Protein backbone atom coordinates (compact mmCIF):
# COMPACT_ATOMS: atom_id res chain seq x y z
CA MET A 1 0.00 0.00 0.00
CA HIS A 2 1.04 3.58 -0.64
CA HIS A 3 1.86 6.02 2.15
CA ILE A 4 -0.37 9.02 2.81
CA ILE A 5 0.48 11.69 5.37
CA LEU A 6 -2.36 13.71 6.91
CA LEU A 7 -1.48 17.14 8.28
CA HIS A 8 -3.49 19.16 10.79
CA GLY A 9 -3.96 22.92 10.77
CA ALA A 10 -3.00 25.78 13.09
CA LEU A 11 -4.19 25.21 16.68
CA GLY A 12 -5.05 21.66 15.65
CA SER A 13 -3.61 18.22 16.37
CA LYS A 14 -3.37 14.82 14.77
CA ASP A 15 -6.31 13.60 16.89
CA GLN A 16 -8.66 15.66 14.74
CA LEU A 17 -7.65 13.52 11.76
CA GLN A 18 -8.75 10.21 13.31
CA PRO A 19 -12.04 9.99 11.34
CA LEU A 20 -10.16 10.52 8.08
CA THR A 21 -7.46 8.08 9.16
CA ARG A 22 -10.00 5.34 9.85
CA ALA A 23 -11.67 5.93 6.49
CA LEU A 24 -8.40 5.63 4.56
CA GLU A 25 -6.45 2.98 6.45
CA ASN A 26 -7.86 0.03 4.46
CA GLU A 27 -6.23 1.34 1.28
CA PHE A 28 -3.20 3.31 2.50
CA HIS A 29 -0.50 3.31 5.12
CA VAL A 30 -1.84 6.40 6.92
CA HIS A 31 0.49 8.64 8.89
CA THR A 32 -0.26 11.56 11.21
CA PHE A 33 1.90 13.58 13.56
CA ASN A 34 1.72 16.76 15.60
CA PHE A 35 3.59 19.86 14.52
CA SER A 36 5.76 21.34 17.28
CA GLY A 37 3.75 23.13 19.94
CA HIS A 38 0.58 21.27 18.95
CA GLY A 39 -1.09 18.26 20.56
CA GLY A 40 1.31 18.30 23.50
CA LYS A 41 4.47 18.22 21.38
CA PRO A 42 7.02 20.62 22.95
CA PHE A 43 7.40 24.13 21.61
CA PRO A 44 10.42 24.72 19.38
CA ASP A 45 13.21 27.13 20.25
CA ILE A 46 12.48 29.11 17.10
CA ALA A 47 9.43 30.98 15.85
CA PHE A 48 6.67 29.21 13.94
CA SER A 49 6.97 29.55 10.17
CA ILE A 50 5.79 27.71 7.09
CA PRO A 51 9.35 26.60 6.19
CA PHE A 52 9.77 25.29 9.76
CA PHE A 53 6.58 23.23 9.58
CA SER A 54 7.55 22.01 6.11
CA ASP A 55 10.87 20.83 7.54
CA GLN A 56 8.94 18.88 10.15
CA ILE A 57 7.20 16.94 7.39
CA THR A 58 10.62 16.11 5.94
CA GLN A 59 11.88 15.10 9.37
CA TYR A 60 8.91 12.80 9.92
CA MET A 61 9.46 11.16 6.52
CA HIS A 62 13.14 10.65 7.31
CA GLU A 63 12.38 9.13 10.72
CA THR A 64 9.81 6.73 9.28
CA GLY A 65 11.80 5.82 6.17
CA ILE A 66 9.30 7.28 3.69
CA ALA A 67 10.94 8.44 0.47
CA GLN A 68 7.76 9.71 -1.16
CA ALA A 69 4.14 10.03 -0.06
CA TYR A 70 0.75 11.34 -0.94
CA ILE A 71 0.02 14.28 1.34
CA PHE A 72 -3.26 15.71 2.56
CA GLY A 73 -3.00 19.04 4.37
CA TYR A 74 -5.81 20.83 6.13
CA SER A 75 -5.56 24.63 6.38
CA MET A 76 -2.02 25.51 7.55
CA GLY A 77 -0.96 21.91 6.98
CA GLY A 78 -1.81 22.33 3.33
CA TYR A 79 0.34 25.45 3.06
CA ALA A 80 3.31 23.68 4.68
CA ALA A 81 2.86 20.77 2.26
CA MET A 82 2.69 23.12 -0.71
CA TYR A 83 5.97 24.69 0.42
CA LEU A 84 7.45 21.19 0.55
CA ALA A 85 6.21 20.46 -2.97
CA LYS A 86 7.87 23.67 -4.11
CA HIS A 87 11.27 23.00 -2.55
CA GLN A 88 11.45 19.18 -2.34
CA PRO A 89 9.07 17.92 -5.05
CA GLU A 90 10.61 14.45 -5.06
CA LYS A 91 9.00 13.80 -1.66
CA VAL A 92 5.43 14.49 -2.74
CA ASN A 93 3.62 12.10 -5.07
CA LYS A 94 0.35 14.03 -5.11
CA LEU A 95 -0.91 16.80 -2.85
CA ILE A 96 -4.41 17.51 -1.59
CA THR A 97 -5.17 20.69 0.34
CA LEU A 98 -8.39 21.57 2.11
CA ALA A 99 -9.35 25.03 3.39
CA THR A 100 -5.83 26.35 2.92
CA LYS A 101 -5.41 30.10 2.98
CA PHE A 102 -2.84 31.06 0.37
CA HIS A 103 -3.17 34.85 0.26
CA TRP A 104 -1.80 36.79 3.20
CA ASP A 105 -1.40 40.53 3.63
CA GLU A 106 -1.30 42.75 6.69
CA LYS A 107 -5.03 43.39 6.62
CA ASN A 108 -6.27 39.81 6.62
CA ALA A 109 -3.47 38.71 8.96
CA ALA A 110 -4.58 41.34 11.48
CA ARG A 111 -8.17 40.13 11.16
CA GLU A 112 -7.19 36.55 11.91
CA VAL A 113 -4.89 37.55 14.78
CA LYS A 114 -7.74 39.46 16.38
CA MET A 115 -9.65 36.19 16.62
CA LEU A 116 -6.78 34.57 18.54
CA ASP A 117 -7.02 36.77 21.63
CA GLY A 118 -6.87 34.39 24.57
CA LYS A 119 -8.82 36.57 27.00
CA THR A 120 -11.66 37.03 24.50
CA ILE A 121 -11.80 33.30 23.81
CA GLN A 122 -11.98 32.53 27.53
CA GLU A 123 -14.76 35.04 28.08
CA LYS A 124 -16.90 34.53 24.97
CA ILE A 125 -16.29 30.92 23.94
CA PRO A 126 -15.11 29.09 27.09
CA ALA A 127 -15.90 25.71 25.56
CA PHE A 128 -13.34 26.38 22.83
CA ALA A 129 -10.81 27.51 25.45
CA ALA A 130 -11.32 24.25 27.33
CA GLN A 131 -10.97 22.30 24.09
CA LEU A 132 -7.67 24.01 23.27
CA GLN A 133 -6.37 23.42 26.78
CA GLN A 134 -7.18 19.72 26.59
CA ARG A 135 -5.97 19.27 23.01
CA HIS A 136 -2.52 20.75 23.63
CA ALA A 137 -1.80 19.71 27.23
CA PRO A 138 0.67 19.88 28.85
CA ASN A 139 1.54 22.88 26.67
CA ASP A 140 0.15 26.30 27.53
CA TRP A 141 -2.53 26.90 24.90
CA LEU A 142 -2.23 30.65 25.43
CA GLN A 143 1.42 30.44 24.40
CA LEU A 144 0.33 28.52 21.33
CA LEU A 145 -2.07 31.34 20.47
CA ASP A 146 0.76 33.87 20.81
CA LYS A 147 3.13 31.89 18.60
CA THR A 148 0.43 31.33 15.99
CA SER A 149 -0.48 35.01 16.04
CA GLN A 150 3.15 35.88 15.35
CA LEU A 151 3.20 33.41 12.47
CA LEU A 152 0.18 35.07 10.89
CA THR A 153 1.60 38.54 11.48
CA ASP A 154 4.83 37.50 9.75
CA LEU A 155 2.86 36.03 6.84
CA GLY A 156 1.00 39.32 6.54
CA LYS A 157 4.29 41.18 6.22
CA GLN A 158 5.89 38.68 3.85
CA ASN A 159 3.80 35.88 2.39
CA THR A 160 5.94 32.73 2.23
CA LEU A 161 4.76 31.72 -1.24
CA GLN A 162 4.08 34.55 -3.64
CA LEU A 163 1.52 33.85 -6.35
CA SER A 164 4.16 33.51 -9.05
CA ALA A 165 5.90 30.73 -7.08
CA TYR A 166 3.11 28.25 -7.79
CA ALA A 167 3.87 28.23 -11.51
CA THR A 168 6.95 26.09 -10.86
CA ILE A 169 5.20 23.49 -8.67
CA ASN A 170 4.65 20.55 -11.02
CA THR A 171 3.34 18.16 -8.37
CA PRO A 172 -0.24 17.06 -9.13
CA CYS A 173 -2.41 19.07 -6.74
CA LEU A 174 -6.06 18.98 -5.74
CA LEU A 175 -7.25 22.17 -4.07
CA LEU A 176 -10.41 21.65 -2.03
CA LEU A 177 -12.51 24.42 -0.53
CA GLY A 178 -15.78 24.40 1.36
CA ASP A 179 -18.47 26.60 -0.17
CA ARG A 180 -19.19 28.09 3.28
CA ASP A 181 -15.61 28.75 4.31
CA LYS A 182 -15.46 32.25 5.80
CA MET A 183 -11.68 32.32 6.22
CA VAL A 184 -10.49 31.23 2.79
CA THR A 185 -11.87 32.95 -0.30
CA MET A 186 -12.76 31.33 -3.59
CA GLU A 187 -10.79 34.05 -5.33
CA GLU A 188 -7.46 33.24 -3.68
CA THR A 189 -7.97 29.50 -4.21
CA LEU A 190 -8.73 30.07 -7.90
CA ASP A 191 -5.69 32.33 -8.25
CA VAL A 192 -3.40 29.56 -6.99
CA TYR A 193 -5.23 26.89 -9.00
CA LYS A 194 -4.69 28.87 -12.21
CA GLN A 195 -0.96 29.21 -11.51
CA LEU A 196 -0.32 25.54 -10.76
CA PRO A 197 0.62 23.61 -13.95
CA ASN A 198 -0.96 20.33 -12.85
CA ALA A 199 -3.90 21.09 -10.59
CA GLN A 200 -7.54 20.29 -10.04
CA LEU A 201 -10.13 22.22 -8.06
CA GLY A 202 -12.91 20.79 -5.92
CA ILE A 203 -15.72 22.51 -4.04
CA MET A 204 -17.26 20.76 -1.06
CA PRO A 205 -20.96 21.67 -0.66
CA GLY A 206 -22.37 22.79 2.66
CA THR A 207 -18.88 22.90 4.15
CA PRO A 208 -17.48 25.61 6.46
CA HIS A 209 -13.83 26.00 7.46
CA ALA A 210 -13.85 23.81 10.58
CA LEU A 211 -12.44 20.34 9.94
CA GLU A 212 -14.95 18.76 12.33
CA GLN A 213 -17.79 19.88 10.07
CA VAL A 214 -16.39 18.33 6.89
CA ASN A 215 -18.25 15.41 5.31
CA VAL A 216 -15.57 12.74 5.76
CA GLU A 217 -17.20 10.29 3.36
CA LEU A 218 -17.25 12.87 0.58
CA LEU A 219 -13.70 14.01 1.35
CA VAL A 220 -12.40 10.45 1.25
CA GLU A 221 -14.08 9.84 -2.09
CA MET A 222 -12.53 12.97 -3.59
CA ILE A 223 -9.10 12.02 -2.26
CA LYS A 224 -9.32 8.47 -3.62
CA VAL A 225 -10.51 9.54 -7.06
CA PHE A 226 -7.67 12.05 -7.34
CA ILE A 227 -4.98 9.66 -6.11
CA ASN A 228 -6.13 6.76 -8.29
CA GLU A 229 -6.48 8.88 -11.40
CA LYS A 230 -3.96 7.92 -14.06
CA ALA A 231 -1.63 10.62 -15.30
């Protein structure tokens, strides 16, 4: 069986990918791991960045003896995987992204950072605060918010992958977006899709940004069709 690596998003963990893992494990060797600072994995000594998270994919592949894999990346995980496809294409057989925000500037970065205020989350959505605390224990989830906020701020100042960079990514890519995603726009997804030389685009109906609200059965079917498609 082929290897497929599933990547979580910012503030997420590999545990969120269990439903997808169970749905794919009969046909693939499925791999998941936590990025540093997530899911209880210790914080790194350096700042969060897309190249750093991309390097962690490479490190995981080295540690597990995987030369090449299919990769599915949700949100930030998709961006890190796209960076890997850009700089180490030999490691990525095919790439599927879901709800990945590709366009960053200071305005939309500031908007997203505003939503990561720990005090506001504790006061207005305490259930989410409790969820983050449990998901990332023993790490301090407030520190994770701070490090993620800095990552987004840095992306706003200097987007890691400029639009022109996608034209040189020859890896077969499937860009998936929920039609109710309020974080990622159709426009930015289309812009990247049009730049990629070997890409497909898929829209998931009735689907917001949150991974927990994705129709796993539909997602699995779209992944399988794309992976099994002959070149």
